[in-house]
Amino acid sequence: MQSVVLALGGSLIDLEDDTDFLKNLVSLFQNVSKVYRLYVVVGGGKTARTYIGFGRQLGVDERRLDELGISVTRLNALLVASLMEEVNNVIPSTTSEAAAVDKPVVVMGGTTPGHSTDAVAAELAAKVSPERFVIATDVDGVYDRDPKKHDDAKLFDEVTIEELERMCGSKWGKAGENVVVDGPALSIIKGLNCDVFVVNGRNLGNLENTLYGKGFVGTKIKKK
């Protein structure tokens, strides 16, 4: 069975009291898994940033702060996995463990300090050779500036890795930093032999189209 890898931004399950959205999201996962094996790597979102910010105020070192964030991603992954039946029972600690799981849907979170969940998802994609790698966030794709702060921000239909590196940087910063795609993830994406997309995961119809390889609104990341 062919596969698809999805990096699910933690912001997409930060919607307080919006249980219907999460139920519909999981239903989408189950439908997609009838056609593709679906690997989902879940981010930490606002909850992770809250823990990291609180820990930083208390003087916790960066590695420990990263570990706090990773713990939240794994908790989020457990929540998502708990809503499905044909899924892994234990959250994998590594991408190798995730790649070895024989289930229609495989859900995991972060792994080790210094790696965002986007980087983890890219690493997993390198192992399972998917049809496509989709990064789902809370904006419509890659913009020339932050669309949450600038109403006139321009959405790119396509963008190269080099352009993204100029916009987002080529290195991983402090724990809890939130960029569209971070440097370590981009360095792995360079070597992938699949299409890579950034889309708004809150638009479930559009996310579904992207996972199936149909027409979509968002940004395609080009290698050159």
N, C-alpha and C. Protein backbone atom coordinates (compact mmCIF):
# COMPACT_ATOMS: atom_id res chain seq x y z
N MET A 1 0.84 -1.20 0.00
CA MET A 1 0.00 0.00 0.00
C MET A 1 0.87 1.25 0.00
N GLN A 2 0.55 2.20 -0.86
CA GLN A 2 1.26 3.47 -0.87
C GLN A 2 0.92 4.26 0.39
N SER A 3 1.78 5.23 0.69
CA SER A 3 1.60 5.96 1.95
C SER A 3 1.65 7.47 1.75
N VAL A 4 1.16 8.18 2.76
CA VAL A 4 1.23 9.63 2.84
C VAL A 4 1.68 9.98 4.24
N VAL A 5 2.56 10.97 4.36
CA VAL A 5 3.01 11.45 5.67
C VAL A 5 2.41 12.83 5.90
N LEU A 6 1.83 13.02 7.09
CA LEU A 6 1.22 14.29 7.46
C LEU A 6 1.86 14.83 8.72
N ALA A 7 2.42 16.03 8.63
CA ALA A 7 2.89 16.75 9.82
C ALA A 7 1.73 17.63 10.28
N LEU A 8 1.12 17.26 11.39
CA LEU A 8 -0.08 17.94 11.88
C LEU A 8 0.30 18.96 12.94
N GLY A 9 0.19 20.23 12.60
CA GLY A 9 0.54 21.28 13.55
C GLY A 9 -0.27 21.19 14.83
N GLY A 10 0.40 21.34 15.96
CA GLY A 10 -0.29 21.26 17.24
C GLY A 10 -1.38 22.30 17.39
N SER A 11 -1.27 23.40 16.67
CA SER A 11 -2.30 24.45 16.75
C SER A 11 -3.65 23.93 16.28
N LEU A 12 -3.66 22.88 15.49
CA LEU A 12 -4.91 22.36 14.95
C LEU A 12 -5.71 21.57 15.97
N ILE A 13 -5.07 21.19 17.08
CA ILE A 13 -5.83 20.54 18.14
C ILE A 13 -5.78 21.36 19.42
N ASP A 14 -5.53 22.66 19.25
CA ASP A 14 -5.58 23.60 20.37
C ASP A 14 -6.95 24.24 20.51
N LEU A 15 -7.86 23.90 19.62
CA LEU A 15 -9.16 24.57 19.60
C LEU A 15 -9.99 24.13 20.80
N GLU A 16 -10.01 24.95 21.82
CA GLU A 16 -10.69 24.60 23.06
C GLU A 16 -12.18 24.42 22.82
N ASP A 17 -12.71 23.35 23.38
CA ASP A 17 -14.14 23.03 23.32
C ASP A 17 -14.63 22.68 21.92
N ASP A 18 -13.73 22.61 20.93
CA ASP A 18 -14.14 22.27 19.57
C ASP A 18 -13.88 20.79 19.31
N THR A 19 -14.61 19.96 20.04
CA THR A 19 -14.40 18.52 19.90
C THR A 19 -14.87 18.01 18.54
N ASP A 20 -15.84 18.70 17.94
CA ASP A 20 -16.35 18.27 16.63
C ASP A 20 -15.25 18.33 15.57
N PHE A 21 -14.41 19.37 15.64
CA PHE A 21 -13.34 19.48 14.66
C PHE A 21 -12.41 18.28 14.74
N LEU A 22 -12.02 17.91 15.96
CA LEU A 22 -11.10 16.79 16.11
C LEU A 22 -11.75 15.48 15.66
N LYS A 23 -13.02 15.31 15.97
CA LYS A 23 -13.73 14.12 15.52
C LYS A 23 -13.76 14.05 13.99
N ASN A 24 -14.04 15.18 13.36
CA ASN A 24 -14.08 15.22 11.89
C ASN A 24 -12.70 14.99 11.28
N LEU A 25 -11.67 15.52 11.96
CA LEU A 25 -10.30 15.33 11.49
C LEU A 25 -9.93 13.85 11.53
N VAL A 26 -10.25 13.20 12.62
CA VAL A 26 -9.94 11.78 12.77
C VAL A 26 -10.74 10.95 11.77
N SER A 27 -11.99 11.33 11.52
CA SER A 27 -12.80 10.65 10.51
C SER A 27 -12.15 10.76 9.13
N LEU A 28 -11.58 11.93 8.85
CA LEU A 28 -10.85 12.13 7.59
C LEU A 28 -9.65 11.19 7.52
N PHE A 29 -8.92 11.07 8.62
CA PHE A 29 -7.76 10.16 8.66
C PHE A 29 -8.19 8.74 8.33
N GLN A 30 -9.30 8.32 8.92
CA GLN A 30 -9.76 6.95 8.71
C GLN A 30 -10.17 6.71 7.26
N ASN A 31 -10.77 7.71 6.64
CA ASN A 31 -11.16 7.58 5.23
C ASN A 31 -9.92 7.50 4.33
N VAL A 32 -8.96 8.37 4.58
CA VAL A 32 -7.74 8.38 3.77
C VAL A 32 -7.00 7.05 3.91
N SER A 33 -7.04 6.47 5.12
CA SER A 33 -6.30 5.24 5.38
C SER A 33 -6.86 4.03 4.63
N LYS A 34 -8.02 4.19 4.01
CA LYS A 34 -8.56 3.11 3.17
C LYS A 34 -7.86 3.06 1.81
N VAL A 35 -7.21 4.17 1.47
CA VAL A 35 -6.50 4.27 0.19
C VAL A 35 -4.99 4.29 0.38
N TYR A 36 -4.54 5.00 1.41
CA TYR A 36 -3.11 5.13 1.71
C TYR A 36 -2.85 4.76 3.16
N ARG A 37 -1.68 4.19 3.42
CA ARG A 37 -1.25 4.12 4.82
C ARG A 37 -0.89 5.55 5.23
N LEU A 38 -1.48 6.01 6.31
CA LEU A 38 -1.32 7.41 6.71
C LEU A 38 -0.47 7.50 7.97
N TYR A 39 0.65 8.20 7.85
CA TYR A 39 1.52 8.48 8.99
C TYR A 39 1.27 9.91 9.45
N VAL A 40 0.91 10.08 10.71
CA VAL A 40 0.60 11.41 11.25
C VAL A 40 1.58 11.73 12.38
N VAL A 41 2.29 12.84 12.24
CA VAL A 41 3.20 13.31 13.29
C VAL A 41 2.59 14.58 13.87
N VAL A 42 2.26 14.54 15.16
CA VAL A 42 1.49 15.60 15.80
C VAL A 42 2.40 16.57 16.55
N GLY A 43 2.15 17.85 16.38
CA GLY A 43 2.93 18.88 17.06
C GLY A 43 2.39 19.20 18.45
N GLY A 44 3.06 20.14 19.12
CA GLY A 44 2.70 20.47 20.50
C GLY A 44 1.78 21.66 20.63
N GLY A 45 1.88 22.62 19.70
CA GLY A 45 0.98 23.76 19.71
C GLY A 45 1.10 24.66 20.93
N LYS A 46 0.00 25.31 21.23
CA LYS A 46 -0.04 26.29 22.32
C LYS A 46 0.28 25.67 23.66
N THR A 47 -0.18 24.44 23.88
CA THR A 47 0.07 23.78 25.17
C THR A 47 1.57 23.61 25.39
N ALA A 48 2.27 23.17 24.36
CA ALA A 48 3.73 23.01 24.48
C ALA A 48 4.40 24.34 24.73
N ARG A 49 3.99 25.38 24.00
CA ARG A 49 4.61 26.69 24.18
C ARG A 49 4.34 27.25 25.57
N THR A 50 3.17 26.93 26.14
CA THR A 50 2.87 27.38 27.50
C THR A 50 3.82 26.74 28.50
N TYR A 51 4.02 25.43 28.40
CA TYR A 51 4.94 24.74 29.30
C TYR A 51 6.37 25.25 29.12
N ILE A 52 6.77 25.42 27.87
CA ILE A 52 8.13 25.88 27.59
C ILE A 52 8.34 27.29 28.12
N GLY A 53 7.36 28.16 27.92
CA GLY A 53 7.47 29.53 28.41
C GLY A 53 7.54 29.58 29.92
N PHE A 54 6.74 28.78 30.58
CA PHE A 54 6.74 28.74 32.04
C PHE A 54 8.07 28.20 32.55
N GLY A 55 8.55 27.13 31.91
CA GLY A 55 9.83 26.55 32.31
C GLY A 55 10.97 27.51 32.10
N ARG A 56 10.93 28.26 31.00
CA ARG A 56 12.00 29.23 30.72
C ARG A 56 12.02 30.33 31.79
N GLN A 57 10.86 30.77 32.24
CA GLN A 57 10.79 31.76 33.31
C GLN A 57 11.40 31.23 34.60
N LEU A 58 11.33 29.93 34.78
CA LEU A 58 11.87 29.30 35.99
C LEU A 58 13.34 28.94 35.85
N GLY A 59 13.92 29.22 34.68
CA GLY A 59 15.34 28.97 34.49
C GLY A 59 15.70 27.59 34.00
N VAL A 60 14.73 26.85 33.48
CA VAL A 60 15.00 25.51 32.96
C VAL A 60 15.85 25.63 31.69
N ASP A 61 16.84 24.73 31.54
CA ASP A 61 17.73 24.82 30.39
C ASP A 61 17.02 24.39 29.11
N GLU A 62 17.58 24.78 27.95
CA GLU A 62 16.92 24.59 26.66
C GLU A 62 16.64 23.13 26.33
N ARG A 63 17.56 22.23 26.69
CA ARG A 63 17.32 20.82 26.39
C ARG A 63 16.10 20.30 27.14
N ARG A 64 16.00 20.67 28.42
CA ARG A 64 14.85 20.25 29.21
C ARG A 64 13.56 20.87 28.68
N LEU A 65 13.65 22.13 28.23
CA LEU A 65 12.48 22.78 27.66
C LEU A 65 12.02 22.04 26.41
N ASP A 66 12.98 21.62 25.61
CA ASP A 66 12.65 20.83 24.41
C ASP A 66 11.97 19.53 24.80
N GLU A 67 12.46 18.90 25.87
CA GLU A 67 11.86 17.65 26.34
C GLU A 67 10.43 17.87 26.82
N LEU A 68 10.18 19.02 27.44
CA LEU A 68 8.81 19.35 27.84
C LEU A 68 7.90 19.41 26.61
N GLY A 69 8.39 20.12 25.59
CA GLY A 69 7.60 20.23 24.36
C GLY A 69 7.35 18.89 23.70
N ILE A 70 8.37 18.04 23.68
CA ILE A 70 8.23 16.70 23.10
C ILE A 70 7.18 15.89 23.85
N SER A 71 7.18 16.00 25.17
CA SER A 71 6.19 15.28 25.97
C SER A 71 4.77 15.69 25.59
N VAL A 72 4.57 16.97 25.34
CA VAL A 72 3.24 17.44 24.94
C VAL A 72 2.86 16.90 23.57
N THR A 73 3.81 16.87 22.63
CA THR A 73 3.50 16.32 21.31
C THR A 73 3.07 14.86 21.40
N ARG A 74 3.70 14.13 22.28
CA ARG A 74 3.37 12.71 22.44
C ARG A 74 2.00 12.55 23.12
N LEU A 75 1.69 13.48 24.02
CA LEU A 75 0.37 13.48 24.65
C LEU A 75 -0.71 13.79 23.60
N ASN A 76 -0.45 14.78 22.76
CA ASN A 76 -1.38 15.10 21.67
C ASN A 76 -1.55 13.91 20.73
N ALA A 77 -0.44 13.24 20.43
CA ALA A 77 -0.49 12.07 19.55
C ALA A 77 -1.34 10.96 20.17
N LEU A 78 -1.19 10.77 21.47
CA LEU A 78 -1.97 9.75 22.16
C LEU A 78 -3.46 10.07 22.10
N LEU A 79 -3.80 11.35 22.24
CA LEU A 79 -5.21 11.76 22.14
C LEU A 79 -5.76 11.43 20.76
N VAL A 80 -5.03 11.80 19.72
CA VAL A 80 -5.48 11.53 18.35
C VAL A 80 -5.62 10.03 18.11
N ALA A 81 -4.62 9.27 18.53
CA ALA A 81 -4.65 7.82 18.33
C ALA A 81 -5.79 7.17 19.10
N SER A 82 -6.13 7.73 20.25
CA SER A 82 -7.18 7.16 21.09
C SER A 82 -8.56 7.24 20.45
N LEU A 83 -8.70 8.07 19.43
CA LEU A 83 -9.99 8.25 18.77
C LEU A 83 -10.18 7.31 17.58
N MET A 84 -9.19 6.43 17.35
CA MET A 84 -9.27 5.50 16.22
C MET A 84 -9.05 4.07 16.69
N GLU A 85 -9.49 3.12 15.88
CA GLU A 85 -9.31 1.71 16.20
C GLU A 85 -8.14 1.10 15.45
N GLU A 86 -8.08 1.28 14.15
CA GLU A 86 -7.01 0.68 13.34
C GLU A 86 -5.78 1.57 13.38
N VAL A 87 -5.13 1.61 14.54
CA VAL A 87 -4.01 2.52 14.76
C VAL A 87 -3.07 1.90 15.78
N ASN A 88 -1.85 2.40 15.85
CA ASN A 88 -0.89 1.88 16.83
C ASN A 88 -1.38 2.15 18.26
N ASN A 89 -1.17 1.18 19.15
CA ASN A 89 -1.58 1.32 20.54
C ASN A 89 -0.55 2.08 21.37
N VAL A 90 0.70 2.00 20.97
CA VAL A 90 1.80 2.66 21.69
C VAL A 90 2.38 3.74 20.78
N ILE A 91 2.61 4.93 21.34
CA ILE A 91 3.18 6.02 20.55
C ILE A 91 4.67 5.74 20.33
N PRO A 92 5.12 5.65 19.08
CA PRO A 92 6.53 5.35 18.81
C PRO A 92 7.46 6.43 19.36
N SER A 93 8.63 5.99 19.80
CA SER A 93 9.64 6.92 20.31
C SER A 93 10.59 7.39 19.23
N THR A 94 10.64 6.65 18.13
CA THR A 94 11.54 6.99 17.02
C THR A 94 10.81 6.82 15.69
N THR A 95 11.36 7.42 14.65
CA THR A 95 10.77 7.24 13.33
C THR A 95 10.95 5.81 12.82
N SER A 96 12.00 5.14 13.26
CA SER A 96 12.20 3.74 12.86
C SER A 96 11.09 2.87 13.44
N GLU A 97 10.72 3.13 14.69
CA GLU A 97 9.61 2.39 15.30
C GLU A 97 8.32 2.66 14.54
N ALA A 98 8.08 3.91 14.20
CA ALA A 98 6.85 4.27 13.48
C ALA A 98 6.80 3.59 12.11
N ALA A 99 7.93 3.58 11.41
CA ALA A 99 7.99 2.99 10.08
C ALA A 99 7.72 1.49 10.11
N ALA A 100 7.98 0.86 11.25
CA ALA A 100 7.81 -0.59 11.37
C ALA A 100 6.39 -0.99 11.76
N VAL A 101 5.55 -0.03 12.11
CA VAL A 101 4.18 -0.34 12.54
C VAL A 101 3.33 -0.73 11.33
N ASP A 102 2.63 -1.83 11.44
CA ASP A 102 1.79 -2.32 10.35
C ASP A 102 0.32 -2.04 10.66
N LYS A 103 -0.06 -0.78 10.55
CA LYS A 103 -1.43 -0.34 10.78
C LYS A 103 -1.83 0.64 9.68
N PRO A 104 -3.14 0.77 9.40
CA PRO A 104 -3.57 1.73 8.38
C PRO A 104 -3.22 3.17 8.73
N VAL A 105 -3.27 3.50 10.03
CA VAL A 105 -2.88 4.83 10.51
C VAL A 105 -1.82 4.66 11.58
N VAL A 106 -0.75 5.43 11.47
CA VAL A 106 0.34 5.41 12.46
C VAL A 106 0.51 6.84 12.97
N VAL A 107 0.38 7.00 14.29
CA VAL A 107 0.44 8.34 14.89
C VAL A 107 1.62 8.41 15.85
N MET A 108 2.38 9.51 15.77
CA MET A 108 3.48 9.71 16.69
C MET A 108 3.64 11.19 16.98
N GLY A 109 4.52 11.52 17.94
CA GLY A 109 4.83 12.90 18.26
C GLY A 109 6.31 13.16 18.02
N GLY A 110 6.90 13.97 18.90
CA GLY A 110 8.31 14.29 18.77
C GLY A 110 9.19 13.15 19.24
N THR A 111 10.50 13.31 19.02
CA THR A 111 11.44 12.24 19.36
C THR A 111 12.55 12.72 20.29
N THR A 112 13.45 13.53 19.78
CA THR A 112 14.60 13.96 20.58
C THR A 112 14.76 15.48 20.51
N PRO A 113 15.38 16.08 21.54
CA PRO A 113 15.61 17.53 21.52
C PRO A 113 16.37 17.98 20.28
N GLY A 114 16.01 19.16 19.80
CA GLY A 114 16.66 19.70 18.61
C GLY A 114 15.96 19.35 17.32
N HIS A 115 14.85 18.60 17.42
CA HIS A 115 14.09 18.21 16.23
C HIS A 115 12.64 18.63 16.40
N SER A 116 12.15 19.50 15.54
CA SER A 116 10.73 19.84 15.54
C SER A 116 9.94 18.65 15.02
N THR A 117 8.62 18.68 15.22
CA THR A 117 7.82 17.58 14.67
C THR A 117 7.77 17.63 13.15
N ASP A 118 7.97 18.81 12.54
CA ASP A 118 8.09 18.86 11.08
C ASP A 118 9.34 18.09 10.63
N ALA A 119 10.43 18.26 11.37
CA ALA A 119 11.66 17.54 11.05
C ALA A 119 11.48 16.04 11.27
N VAL A 120 10.77 15.68 12.34
CA VAL A 120 10.48 14.26 12.60
C VAL A 120 9.66 13.68 11.45
N ALA A 121 8.64 14.42 11.02
CA ALA A 121 7.81 13.95 9.91
C ALA A 121 8.62 13.80 8.63
N ALA A 122 9.52 14.75 8.37
CA ALA A 122 10.38 14.65 7.19
C ALA A 122 11.30 13.44 7.29
N GLU A 123 11.83 13.20 8.48
CA GLU A 123 12.69 12.02 8.69
C GLU A 123 11.91 10.74 8.47
N LEU A 124 10.67 10.71 8.95
CA LEU A 124 9.81 9.54 8.73
C LEU A 124 9.53 9.35 7.24
N ALA A 125 9.28 10.46 6.55
CA ALA A 125 9.04 10.39 5.11
C ALA A 125 10.25 9.81 4.37
N ALA A 126 11.44 10.16 4.83
CA ALA A 126 12.65 9.62 4.21
C ALA A 126 12.73 8.11 4.39
N LYS A 127 12.12 7.59 5.46
CA LYS A 127 12.17 6.15 5.73
C LYS A 127 11.08 5.38 4.99
N VAL A 128 9.90 5.98 4.82
CA VAL A 128 8.78 5.21 4.27
C VAL A 128 8.49 5.53 2.80
N SER A 129 9.19 6.51 2.23
CA SER A 129 9.04 6.87 0.81
C SER A 129 7.57 7.06 0.40
N PRO A 130 6.91 8.07 0.94
CA PRO A 130 5.49 8.27 0.67
C PRO A 130 5.23 8.86 -0.71
N GLU A 131 3.96 8.82 -1.12
CA GLU A 131 3.54 9.48 -2.35
C GLU A 131 3.67 10.99 -2.20
N ARG A 132 3.32 11.49 -1.01
CA ARG A 132 3.44 12.93 -0.76
C ARG A 132 3.60 13.18 0.73
N PHE A 133 4.17 14.34 1.04
CA PHE A 133 4.40 14.77 2.41
C PHE A 133 3.66 16.09 2.59
N VAL A 134 2.71 16.12 3.52
CA VAL A 134 1.86 17.29 3.72
C VAL A 134 2.11 17.89 5.09
N ILE A 135 2.36 19.19 5.12
CA ILE A 135 2.53 19.92 6.37
C ILE A 135 1.27 20.74 6.58
N ALA A 136 0.49 20.39 7.60
CA ALA A 136 -0.77 21.07 7.89
C ALA A 136 -0.58 22.03 9.05
N THR A 137 -0.89 23.29 8.79
CA THR A 137 -0.72 24.33 9.80
C THR A 137 -2.03 25.10 9.95
N ASP A 138 -1.98 26.29 10.58
CA ASP A 138 -3.21 27.05 10.80
C ASP A 138 -3.33 28.26 9.88
N VAL A 139 -2.51 28.29 8.83
CA VAL A 139 -2.63 29.30 7.78
C VAL A 139 -2.65 28.57 6.43
N ASP A 140 -2.95 29.29 5.36
CA ASP A 140 -3.22 28.64 4.08
C ASP A 140 -1.99 28.12 3.33
N GLY A 141 -0.81 28.39 3.85
CA GLY A 141 0.41 27.95 3.19
C GLY A 141 1.57 28.84 3.56
N VAL A 142 2.50 29.02 2.65
CA VAL A 142 3.68 29.86 2.88
C VAL A 142 3.40 31.26 2.31
N TYR A 143 3.61 32.27 3.14
CA TYR A 143 3.39 33.66 2.75
C TYR A 143 4.72 34.43 2.75
N ASP A 144 4.70 35.59 2.12
CA ASP A 144 5.89 36.42 2.12
C ASP A 144 6.09 37.14 3.45
N ARG A 145 5.05 37.15 4.27
CA ARG A 145 5.12 37.70 5.63
C ARG A 145 4.00 37.06 6.45
N ASP A 146 4.01 37.28 7.74
CA ASP A 146 3.04 36.63 8.64
C ASP A 146 1.62 37.10 8.31
N PRO A 147 0.76 36.22 7.82
CA PRO A 147 -0.60 36.63 7.46
C PRO A 147 -1.47 36.98 8.66
N LYS A 148 -1.04 36.56 9.85
CA LYS A 148 -1.80 36.90 11.06
C LYS A 148 -1.55 38.34 11.48
N LYS A 149 -0.47 38.91 10.98
CA LYS A 149 -0.11 40.29 11.33
C LYS A 149 -0.28 41.25 10.15
N HIS A 150 -0.29 40.71 8.94
CA HIS A 150 -0.33 41.56 7.75
C HIS A 150 -1.45 41.11 6.82
N ASP A 151 -2.47 41.94 6.69
CA ASP A 151 -3.61 41.59 5.84
C ASP A 151 -3.23 41.48 4.37
N ASP A 152 -2.15 42.15 3.98
CA ASP A 152 -1.75 42.13 2.57
C ASP A 152 -0.68 41.07 2.28
N ALA A 153 -0.49 40.14 3.21
CA ALA A 153 0.50 39.08 2.99
C ALA A 153 0.13 38.27 1.75
N LYS A 154 1.15 37.90 0.98
CA LYS A 154 0.95 37.18 -0.28
C LYS A 154 1.20 35.69 -0.09
N LEU A 155 0.24 34.88 -0.51
CA LEU A 155 0.38 33.43 -0.45
C LEU A 155 1.13 32.94 -1.69
N PHE A 156 2.16 32.14 -1.47
CA PHE A 156 2.91 31.56 -2.58
C PHE A 156 2.27 30.24 -3.01
N ASP A 157 2.02 30.10 -4.31
CA ASP A 157 1.55 28.81 -4.84
C ASP A 157 2.69 27.79 -4.81
N GLU A 158 3.90 28.27 -5.09
CA GLU A 158 5.09 27.43 -5.06
C GLU A 158 6.22 28.22 -4.42
N VAL A 159 7.13 27.51 -3.78
CA VAL A 159 8.30 28.16 -3.18
C VAL A 159 9.43 27.13 -3.17
N THR A 160 10.65 27.59 -3.38
CA THR A 160 11.79 26.67 -3.35
C THR A 160 12.31 26.53 -1.92
N ILE A 161 13.07 25.47 -1.69
CA ILE A 161 13.67 25.26 -0.37
C ILE A 161 14.61 26.41 -0.04
N GLU A 162 15.35 26.87 -1.04
CA GLU A 162 16.29 27.98 -0.80
C GLU A 162 15.54 29.24 -0.37
N GLU A 163 14.39 29.51 -0.98
CA GLU A 163 13.59 30.67 -0.59
C GLU A 163 13.06 30.51 0.83
N LEU A 164 12.66 29.30 1.17
CA LEU A 164 12.18 29.04 2.53
C LEU A 164 13.30 29.21 3.55
N GLU A 165 14.49 28.77 3.20
CA GLU A 165 15.62 28.92 4.11
C GLU A 165 15.92 30.39 4.37
N ARG A 166 15.76 31.21 3.35
CA ARG A 166 15.97 32.65 3.54
C ARG A 166 14.90 33.25 4.45
N MET A 167 13.68 32.73 4.33
CA MET A 167 12.58 33.27 5.13
C MET A 167 12.57 32.75 6.56
N CYS A 168 12.86 31.46 6.72
CA CYS A 168 12.70 30.80 8.02
C CYS A 168 14.02 30.50 8.72
N GLY A 169 15.14 30.61 8.00
CA GLY A 169 16.42 30.26 8.59
C GLY A 169 16.76 28.82 8.29
N SER A 170 18.03 28.49 8.45
CA SER A 170 18.49 27.13 8.12
C SER A 170 18.84 26.32 9.36
N LYS A 171 18.62 26.90 10.54
CA LYS A 171 18.95 26.19 11.77
C LYS A 171 17.74 26.12 12.69
N TRP A 172 17.77 25.18 13.61
CA TRP A 172 16.74 25.05 14.63
C TRP A 172 17.05 26.02 15.76
N GLY A 173 16.06 26.79 16.16
CA GLY A 173 16.27 27.79 17.20
C GLY A 173 15.95 27.25 18.58
N LYS A 174 15.37 28.11 19.40
CA LYS A 174 15.04 27.71 20.76
C LYS A 174 13.79 26.83 20.78
N ALA A 175 13.64 26.09 21.89
CA ALA A 175 12.44 25.27 22.07
C ALA A 175 11.21 26.16 22.00
N GLY A 176 10.18 25.66 21.33
CA GLY A 176 8.91 26.38 21.27
C GLY A 176 8.79 27.36 20.13
N GLU A 177 9.85 27.56 19.35
CA GLU A 177 9.76 28.49 18.23
C GLU A 177 8.79 27.95 17.17
N ASN A 178 8.07 28.87 16.55
CA ASN A 178 7.02 28.47 15.62
C ASN A 178 7.23 29.15 14.27
N VAL A 179 7.78 28.42 13.31
CA VAL A 179 7.95 28.92 11.94
C VAL A 179 7.23 27.96 11.01
N VAL A 180 7.01 28.39 9.77
CA VAL A 180 6.27 27.55 8.83
C VAL A 180 6.96 26.21 8.64
N VAL A 181 8.23 26.24 8.28
CA VAL A 181 9.04 25.02 8.18
C VAL A 181 10.44 25.38 8.66
N ASP A 182 10.96 24.67 9.64
CA ASP A 182 12.26 25.03 10.20
C ASP A 182 13.41 24.46 9.39
N GLY A 183 14.62 24.97 9.67
CA GLY A 183 15.81 24.60 8.92
C GLY A 183 16.11 23.11 8.87
N PRO A 184 16.14 22.42 10.02
CA PRO A 184 16.42 20.98 9.99
C PRO A 184 15.41 20.20 9.15
N ALA A 185 14.14 20.59 9.21
CA ALA A 185 13.14 19.91 8.38
C ALA A 185 13.43 20.14 6.90
N LEU A 186 13.79 21.37 6.55
CA LEU A 186 14.09 21.69 5.15
C LEU A 186 15.29 20.90 4.64
N SER A 187 16.29 20.71 5.49
CA SER A 187 17.48 19.97 5.06
C SER A 187 17.14 18.52 4.73
N ILE A 188 16.15 17.95 5.44
CA ILE A 188 15.72 16.58 5.14
C ILE A 188 14.83 16.56 3.90
N ILE A 189 13.96 17.56 3.79
CA ILE A 189 13.05 17.64 2.65
C ILE A 189 13.82 17.68 1.33
N LYS A 190 15.00 18.29 1.35
CA LYS A 190 15.82 18.36 0.13
C LYS A 190 16.06 16.98 -0.48
N GLY A 191 16.16 15.97 0.36
CA GLY A 191 16.48 14.63 -0.14
C GLY A 191 15.28 13.75 -0.40
N LEU A 192 14.06 14.26 -0.18
CA LEU A 192 12.86 13.43 -0.38
C LEU A 192 12.52 13.30 -1.86
N ASN A 193 12.03 12.13 -2.22
CA ASN A 193 11.59 11.90 -3.60
C ASN A 193 10.07 11.88 -3.68
N CYS A 194 9.45 12.92 -3.13
CA CYS A 194 8.00 13.02 -3.16
C CYS A 194 7.60 14.48 -3.18
N ASP A 195 6.36 14.75 -3.54
CA ASP A 195 5.85 16.11 -3.50
C ASP A 195 5.63 16.54 -2.06
N VAL A 196 5.89 17.82 -1.78
CA VAL A 196 5.75 18.36 -0.43
C VAL A 196 4.84 19.58 -0.48
N PHE A 197 3.86 19.62 0.41
CA PHE A 197 2.88 20.70 0.40
C PHE A 197 2.70 21.29 1.80
N VAL A 198 2.36 22.58 1.85
CA VAL A 198 1.98 23.24 3.09
C VAL A 198 0.56 23.77 2.90
N VAL A 199 -0.36 23.35 3.78
CA VAL A 199 -1.76 23.74 3.64
C VAL A 199 -2.36 24.07 5.00
N ASN A 200 -3.56 24.64 4.96
CA ASN A 200 -4.30 24.94 6.18
C ASN A 200 -5.07 23.70 6.62
N GLY A 201 -4.69 23.14 7.75
CA GLY A 201 -5.32 21.93 8.23
C GLY A 201 -6.70 22.14 8.82
N ARG A 202 -7.08 23.39 9.05
CA ARG A 202 -8.42 23.65 9.57
C ARG A 202 -9.48 23.58 8.47
N ASN A 203 -9.05 23.67 7.23
CA ASN A 203 -9.95 23.48 6.10
C ASN A 203 -9.89 22.01 5.72
N LEU A 204 -10.80 21.23 6.29
CA LEU A 204 -10.70 19.78 6.15
C LEU A 204 -10.90 19.31 4.71
N GLY A 205 -11.77 19.99 3.96
CA GLY A 205 -11.96 19.61 2.57
C GLY A 205 -10.69 19.81 1.76
N ASN A 206 -10.01 20.90 2.00
CA ASN A 206 -8.76 21.19 1.30
C ASN A 206 -7.65 20.23 1.74
N LEU A 207 -7.61 19.93 3.04
CA LEU A 207 -6.63 18.97 3.55
C LEU A 207 -6.85 17.60 2.91
N GLU A 208 -8.11 17.20 2.82
CA GLU A 208 -8.43 15.92 2.20
C GLU A 208 -7.96 15.88 0.75
N ASN A 209 -8.24 16.94 0.00
CA ASN A 209 -7.80 17.00 -1.40
C ASN A 209 -6.28 16.86 -1.51
N THR A 210 -5.57 17.53 -0.60
CA THR A 210 -4.11 17.49 -0.64
C THR A 210 -3.59 16.09 -0.34
N LEU A 211 -4.17 15.44 0.65
CA LEU A 211 -3.73 14.09 1.02
C LEU A 211 -3.98 13.10 -0.12
N TYR A 212 -5.06 13.33 -0.87
CA TYR A 212 -5.37 12.45 -2.01
C TYR A 212 -4.64 12.85 -3.29
N GLY A 213 -3.94 13.97 -3.26
CA GLY A 213 -3.23 14.41 -4.46
C GLY A 213 -4.10 15.12 -5.46
N LYS A 214 -5.21 15.70 -5.01
CA LYS A 214 -6.12 16.43 -5.89
C LYS A 214 -5.80 17.92 -5.83
N GLY A 215 -6.59 18.73 -6.54
CA GLY A 215 -6.40 20.17 -6.53
C GLY A 215 -6.55 20.74 -5.13
N PHE A 216 -5.74 21.72 -4.79
CA PHE A 216 -5.74 22.23 -3.42
C PHE A 216 -5.36 23.71 -3.41
N VAL A 217 -5.64 24.36 -2.28
CA VAL A 217 -5.17 25.71 -2.01
C VAL A 217 -4.04 25.61 -1.00
N GLY A 218 -2.89 26.14 -1.33
CA GLY A 218 -1.75 26.06 -0.43
C GLY A 218 -0.46 26.30 -1.20
N THR A 219 0.63 25.78 -0.67
CA THR A 219 1.95 26.00 -1.27
C THR A 219 2.65 24.67 -1.52
N LYS A 220 3.18 24.52 -2.72
CA LYS A 220 4.02 23.36 -3.03
C LYS A 220 5.48 23.77 -2.85
N ILE A 221 6.23 22.95 -2.12
CA ILE A 221 7.65 23.22 -1.92
C ILE A 221 8.44 22.52 -3.03
N LYS A 222 9.13 23.32 -3.82
CA LYS A 222 9.93 22.79 -4.93
C LYS A 222 11.37 22.58 -4.47
N LYS A 223 12.01 21.58 -5.04
CA LYS A 223 13.40 21.30 -4.68
C LYS A 223 14.34 22.33 -5.28
N LYS A 224 14.00 22.86 -6.48
CA LYS A 224 14.84 23.85 -7.14
C LYS A 224 13.98 24.99 -7.66
